[in-house]
Every structure is written in C-alpha cells, then in structure tokens.
C-alpha cells in the first residue's frame, strides 16, 4: 500500500498534456499553452525577434524556433539552466531578469523585439495572496522590459496568477497596447489560478514636438 501511495504521489501531475509533451519530445506540457495562444491570436510570424522570459526548461523556445524559422531570432532568459539542444538562431542566458540589461548587451542584434513572452511563475507557498503578489512582481518586471525592448506594433504575452491587483495590471496593459486580451488556454490545469494577459500592437511612444524638432 505504501508503495502504491508513493507512485501516485510521483504521478500526481501526469495528464494528457504531460504524456503528449513526452511523446512529442517537449520537456514540459506548457508548450501547449503557447500553442493555443498562437492558434487563437497568430502573434508569432516567420522572421520575428522574440524575447522569452522564464524560458526554462525550454518548451517555448523549441516551439517558437520552428515558427520564426532560421531567419528569426530568439533570446531566452531564466535563472535555471536550459539543457536542450537548440538551433543556432536561439540564444539562452542563465541569469536574473532583474539584471537583464547586462544580459541583453551580450547580444549583437536583439532589439527592439517583435514579441516579448513571459511564462514566469514564482516559487509557490500555498498561500494564494502571497503567490499572487509574487506573480504580480514578476509580471510588472516583464512589463517594464516589454516597454523598453518591444517595438511599436509588437506583442506581449504574460502569465499571471489572479489576485487583488489583477485588474490594475490589466489596465496598465490596456494603456500601452491598442488591443489587450485575457485568455486561459484549455491546457492550463483546472485548479490553477494562472491566466494569460496578451497585449497586441504596442502603441508608438509620443514624442514632444519641441524635442523632435531639436529645440531644448
């Protein structure tokens, strides 16, 4: 009986998507979340330059690499090392997104990006308020990066745990993009509080007329 309980515990996250990912040689089932987003919104195109925040273990890197093709460019960043064999147009940096500028400076041709993806999630505590607050902090960091490194007309995809500041964050996305969507892929676990916020068509930065004309 004890052995059976242990086996059940080890396989508690096993489901259709986990089995499918293993069969299709993806390191994580999360690939199907991005696949659903792509099928619905068609954000990723051939030749795109993509920044993938929280890219480990690499499923999103694998998937986006096939969509953008060798003429595209993908830069992934995660604190955890990615051990996958990836094509030459994918570069992965092991590091913290809060020191991203030094990581991006290592790239010759990187920005502005066409798309910024963030599938980052905090270490969960089981306390939904704490977990939501930690998730929000990561989302705000990802959004700051998108504001700095995403081109006008570009798109932003960000996973967030729903909490009391969820609406405030979605409102901030709406201000920066011409369109914004809230979407929960079917492949998200039913018990999960995660949902994706999608910003489409980043607004052009407004330039002061005096600055544009060269006047102080």
Protein backbone atom coordinates (compact mmCIF):
# COMPACT_ATOMS: atom_id res chain seq x y z
CA UNK A 1 0.00 0.00 0.00
CA UNK A 2 2.80 2.44 0.85
CA UNK A 3 4.49 1.81 -2.48
CA UNK A 4 1.25 2.46 -4.30
CA UNK A 5 0.76 5.76 -2.47
CA UNK A 6 4.28 6.87 -3.36
CA UNK A 7 3.73 6.01 -7.00
CA UNK A 8 0.53 8.01 -7.05
CA UNK A 9 2.28 10.97 -5.47
CA UNK A 10 5.05 10.89 -8.08
CA UNK A 11 2.50 10.94 -10.89
CA UNK A 12 0.08 13.49 -9.45
CA UNK A 13 0.79 15.95 -12.30
CA UNK A 14 0.52 13.31 -15.02
CA UNK A 15 -2.21 14.11 -17.54
CA UNK A 16 -2.98 14.05 -21.25
CA UNK A 17 -0.79 17.09 -21.96
CA UNK A 18 2.15 15.75 -19.98
CA UNK A 19 2.01 12.47 -21.91
CA UNK A 20 1.64 14.33 -25.19
CA UNK A 21 4.66 16.53 -24.43
CA UNK A 22 6.77 13.48 -23.66
CA UNK A 23 5.65 11.80 -26.88
CA UNK A 24 6.44 14.91 -28.94
CA UNK A 25 9.81 15.45 -27.21
CA UNK A 26 8.97 18.66 -25.40
CA UNK A 27 10.42 18.99 -21.89
CA UNK A 28 7.20 20.46 -20.44
CA UNK A 29 3.46 20.49 -21.09
CA UNK A 30 3.46 24.30 -21.01
CA UNK A 31 4.21 24.29 -24.74
CA UNK A 32 0.54 23.64 -25.44
CA UNK A 33 -0.48 26.85 -23.67
CA UNK A 34 1.59 28.88 -26.11
CA UNK A 35 0.37 26.74 -28.98
CA UNK A 36 -3.23 27.56 -28.08
CA UNK A 37 -2.40 31.26 -27.82
CA UNK A 38 -0.74 31.12 -31.22
CA UNK A 39 -3.64 29.30 -32.83
CA UNK A 40 -6.08 31.89 -31.47
CA UNK A 41 -4.13 35.12 -31.99
CA UNK A 42 -1.42 34.34 -34.59
CA UNK A 43 1.17 36.52 -32.91
CA UNK A 44 4.31 34.64 -33.95
CA UNK A 45 5.49 35.03 -37.55
CA UNK A 46 8.45 33.99 -39.68
CA UNK A 47 11.49 36.17 -39.05
CA UNK A 48 10.29 37.51 -35.69
CA UNK A 49 12.72 38.53 -32.95
CA UNK A 50 11.46 37.13 -29.67
CA UNK A 51 12.44 37.57 -26.03
CA UNK A 52 11.36 34.64 -23.85
CA UNK A 53 11.45 35.44 -20.11
CA UNK A 54 11.44 32.47 -17.77
CA UNK A 55 12.28 30.15 -20.65
CA UNK A 56 13.38 27.03 -18.73
CA UNK A 57 13.05 24.12 -19.38
CA UNK A 58 12.76 25.26 -23.00
CA UNK A 59 9.46 24.10 -24.49
CA UNK A 60 8.53 27.60 -25.61
CA UNK A 61 11.99 28.04 -27.15
CA UNK A 62 11.56 24.85 -29.15
CA UNK A 63 8.11 25.80 -30.36
CA UNK A 64 8.90 29.42 -31.27
CA UNK A 65 12.10 28.36 -33.04
CA UNK A 66 10.08 26.35 -35.55
CA UNK A 67 7.62 29.21 -36.11
CA UNK A 68 10.10 32.05 -36.67
CA UNK A 69 12.50 29.90 -38.68
CA UNK A 70 16.24 30.43 -39.10
CA UNK A 71 15.71 34.00 -40.30
CA UNK A 72 14.20 34.84 -36.90
CA UNK A 73 15.98 35.31 -33.60
CA UNK A 74 15.05 34.12 -30.10
CA UNK A 75 16.69 35.15 -26.84
CA UNK A 76 15.72 33.23 -23.71
CA UNK A 77 16.49 34.17 -20.10
CA UNK A 78 15.99 32.11 -16.96
CA UNK A 79 17.65 31.61 -13.60
CA UNK A 80 17.55 27.88 -14.29
CA UNK A 81 19.88 26.43 -16.91
CA UNK A 82 18.33 25.18 -20.15
CA UNK A 83 19.98 21.92 -21.22
CA UNK A 84 18.13 21.36 -24.50
CA UNK A 85 19.90 21.25 -27.83
CA UNK A 86 18.52 24.29 -29.64
CA UNK A 87 19.04 25.64 -33.17
CA UNK A 88 21.62 28.40 -33.88
CA UNK A 89 19.02 31.18 -34.02
CA UNK A 90 18.16 30.59 -30.34
CA UNK A 91 20.38 32.01 -27.58
CA UNK A 92 19.80 31.31 -23.90
CA UNK A 93 21.23 33.26 -20.99
CA UNK A 94 21.23 31.94 -17.45
CA UNK A 95 20.54 34.88 -15.18
CA UNK A 96 18.03 37.04 -13.38
CA UNK A 97 15.60 39.19 -15.36
CA UNK A 98 16.18 41.98 -12.87
CA UNK A 99 19.70 42.34 -14.33
CA UNK A 100 18.52 41.85 -17.89
CA UNK A 101 20.24 44.86 -19.38
CA UNK A 102 23.70 43.36 -18.88
CA UNK A 103 22.48 40.09 -20.39
CA UNK A 104 20.98 41.78 -23.44
CA UNK A 105 24.16 43.76 -24.03
CA UNK A 106 25.83 40.43 -24.85
CA UNK A 107 23.66 40.21 -27.97
CA UNK A 108 24.67 41.94 -31.19
CA UNK A 109 21.24 42.25 -32.79
CA UNK A 110 18.43 41.91 -30.35
CA UNK A 111 16.02 44.76 -30.04
CA UNK A 112 13.56 46.06 -30.46
CA UNK A 113 11.84 42.70 -30.21
CA UNK A 114 8.70 41.83 -32.13
CA UNK A 115 7.33 39.82 -29.21
CA UNK A 116 8.10 39.54 -25.50
CA UNK A 117 6.89 36.34 -23.86
CA UNK A 118 6.77 35.73 -20.13
CA UNK A 119 5.78 32.38 -18.67
CA UNK A 120 7.47 33.20 -15.38
CA UNK A 121 5.97 31.91 -12.16
CA UNK A 122 7.11 32.37 -8.57
CA UNK A 123 8.00 29.62 -6.15
CA UNK A 124 4.58 28.93 -4.69
CA UNK A 125 3.84 28.88 -0.97
CA UNK A 126 0.26 27.59 -1.00
CA UNK A 127 -0.94 30.98 0.25
CA UNK A 128 -2.93 32.40 -2.67
CA UNK A 129 -2.39 36.01 -1.60
CA UNK A 130 1.38 35.62 -1.29
CA UNK A 131 1.60 33.68 -4.54
CA UNK A 132 -0.48 36.27 -6.41
CA UNK A 133 1.69 39.10 -5.07
CA UNK A 134 4.88 37.32 -6.13
CA UNK A 135 3.41 36.61 -9.55
CA UNK A 136 2.46 40.26 -9.94
CA UNK A 137 6.01 41.37 -9.13
CA UNK A 138 7.35 39.15 -11.93
CA UNK A 139 4.67 40.39 -14.33
CA UNK A 140 5.48 44.01 -13.59
CA UNK A 141 9.16 43.30 -14.23
CA UNK A 142 8.30 41.61 -17.53
CA UNK A 143 6.07 44.53 -18.48
CA UNK A 144 8.85 47.03 -17.76
CA UNK A 145 11.12 45.02 -20.04
CA UNK A 146 8.46 44.97 -22.75
CA UNK A 147 8.07 48.74 -22.53
CA UNK A 148 11.82 49.18 -23.02
CA UNK A 149 12.61 46.48 -25.56
CA UNK A 150 9.42 45.82 -27.53
CA UNK A 151 8.98 47.63 -30.83
CA UNK A 152 5.92 49.72 -31.66
CA UNK A 153 3.33 47.34 -33.06
CA UNK A 154 4.81 44.43 -31.11
CA UNK A 155 3.02 41.97 -28.82
CA UNK A 156 3.37 40.94 -25.18
CA UNK A 157 2.24 37.65 -23.61
CA UNK A 158 2.40 37.36 -19.84
CA UNK A 159 1.27 34.69 -17.37
CA UNK A 160 -0.15 35.95 -14.10
CA UNK A 161 -1.78 34.44 -11.03
CA UNK A 162 -5.09 36.19 -10.47
CA UNK A 163 -5.19 38.26 -7.31
CA UNK A 164 -6.47 41.54 -5.94
CA UNK A 165 -4.21 43.64 -8.20
CA UNK A 166 -5.10 41.73 -11.36
CA UNK A 167 -7.38 44.46 -12.77
CA UNK A 168 -4.85 47.19 -12.06
CA UNK A 169 -2.25 45.29 -14.04
CA UNK A 170 -4.59 44.58 -16.95
CA UNK A 171 -5.48 48.28 -17.04
CA UNK A 172 -1.80 49.16 -17.38
CA UNK A 173 -1.50 46.77 -20.32
CA UNK A 174 -4.50 48.41 -21.99
CA UNK A 175 -2.81 51.80 -21.82
CA UNK A 176 0.30 50.57 -23.64
CA UNK A 177 -1.32 48.47 -26.37
CA UNK A 178 -4.05 49.13 -28.91
CA UNK A 179 -5.62 45.77 -28.04
CA UNK A 180 -5.48 43.60 -24.94
CA UNK A 181 -6.88 40.15 -24.26
CA UNK A 182 -7.31 37.89 -21.26
CA UNK A 183 -7.07 34.23 -22.15
CA UNK A 184 -6.91 30.94 -20.28
CA UNK A 185 -5.78 28.05 -22.52
CA UNK A 186 -7.54 24.72 -22.10
CA UNK A 187 -4.17 23.16 -21.29
CA UNK A 188 -3.90 25.16 -18.06
CA UNK A 189 -4.64 22.94 -15.09
CA UNK A 190 -8.20 23.45 -13.88
CA UNK A 191 -7.11 24.11 -10.30
CA UNK A 192 -4.56 26.72 -11.38
CA UNK A 193 -5.13 30.44 -10.86
CA UNK A 194 -2.89 31.25 -13.82
CA UNK A 195 -4.18 33.17 -16.79
CA UNK A 196 -2.52 34.96 -19.70
CA UNK A 197 -2.68 38.66 -20.48
CA UNK A 198 -1.95 39.49 -24.10
CA UNK A 199 -1.08 42.95 -25.37
CA UNK A 200 -1.31 43.38 -29.14
CA UNK A 201 0.04 46.27 -31.23
CA UNK A 202 2.17 48.28 -28.82
CA UNK A 203 1.48 51.97 -29.09
CA UNK A 204 4.04 54.32 -30.57
CA UNK A 205 5.77 56.45 -27.97
CA UNK A 206 4.60 60.02 -28.08
CA UNK A 207 7.40 62.45 -28.91
CA UNK A 208 7.29 66.02 -27.74
CA UNK A 209 7.23 68.30 -30.83
CA UNK A 210 9.99 70.52 -29.40
CA UNK A 211 12.20 67.50 -28.79
CA UNK A 212 11.54 66.14 -32.28
CA UNK A 213 12.50 69.45 -33.87
CA UNK A 214 15.70 69.67 -31.89
CA UNK A 215 14.65 72.55 -29.65
CA UNK A 216 15.54 72.25 -25.95
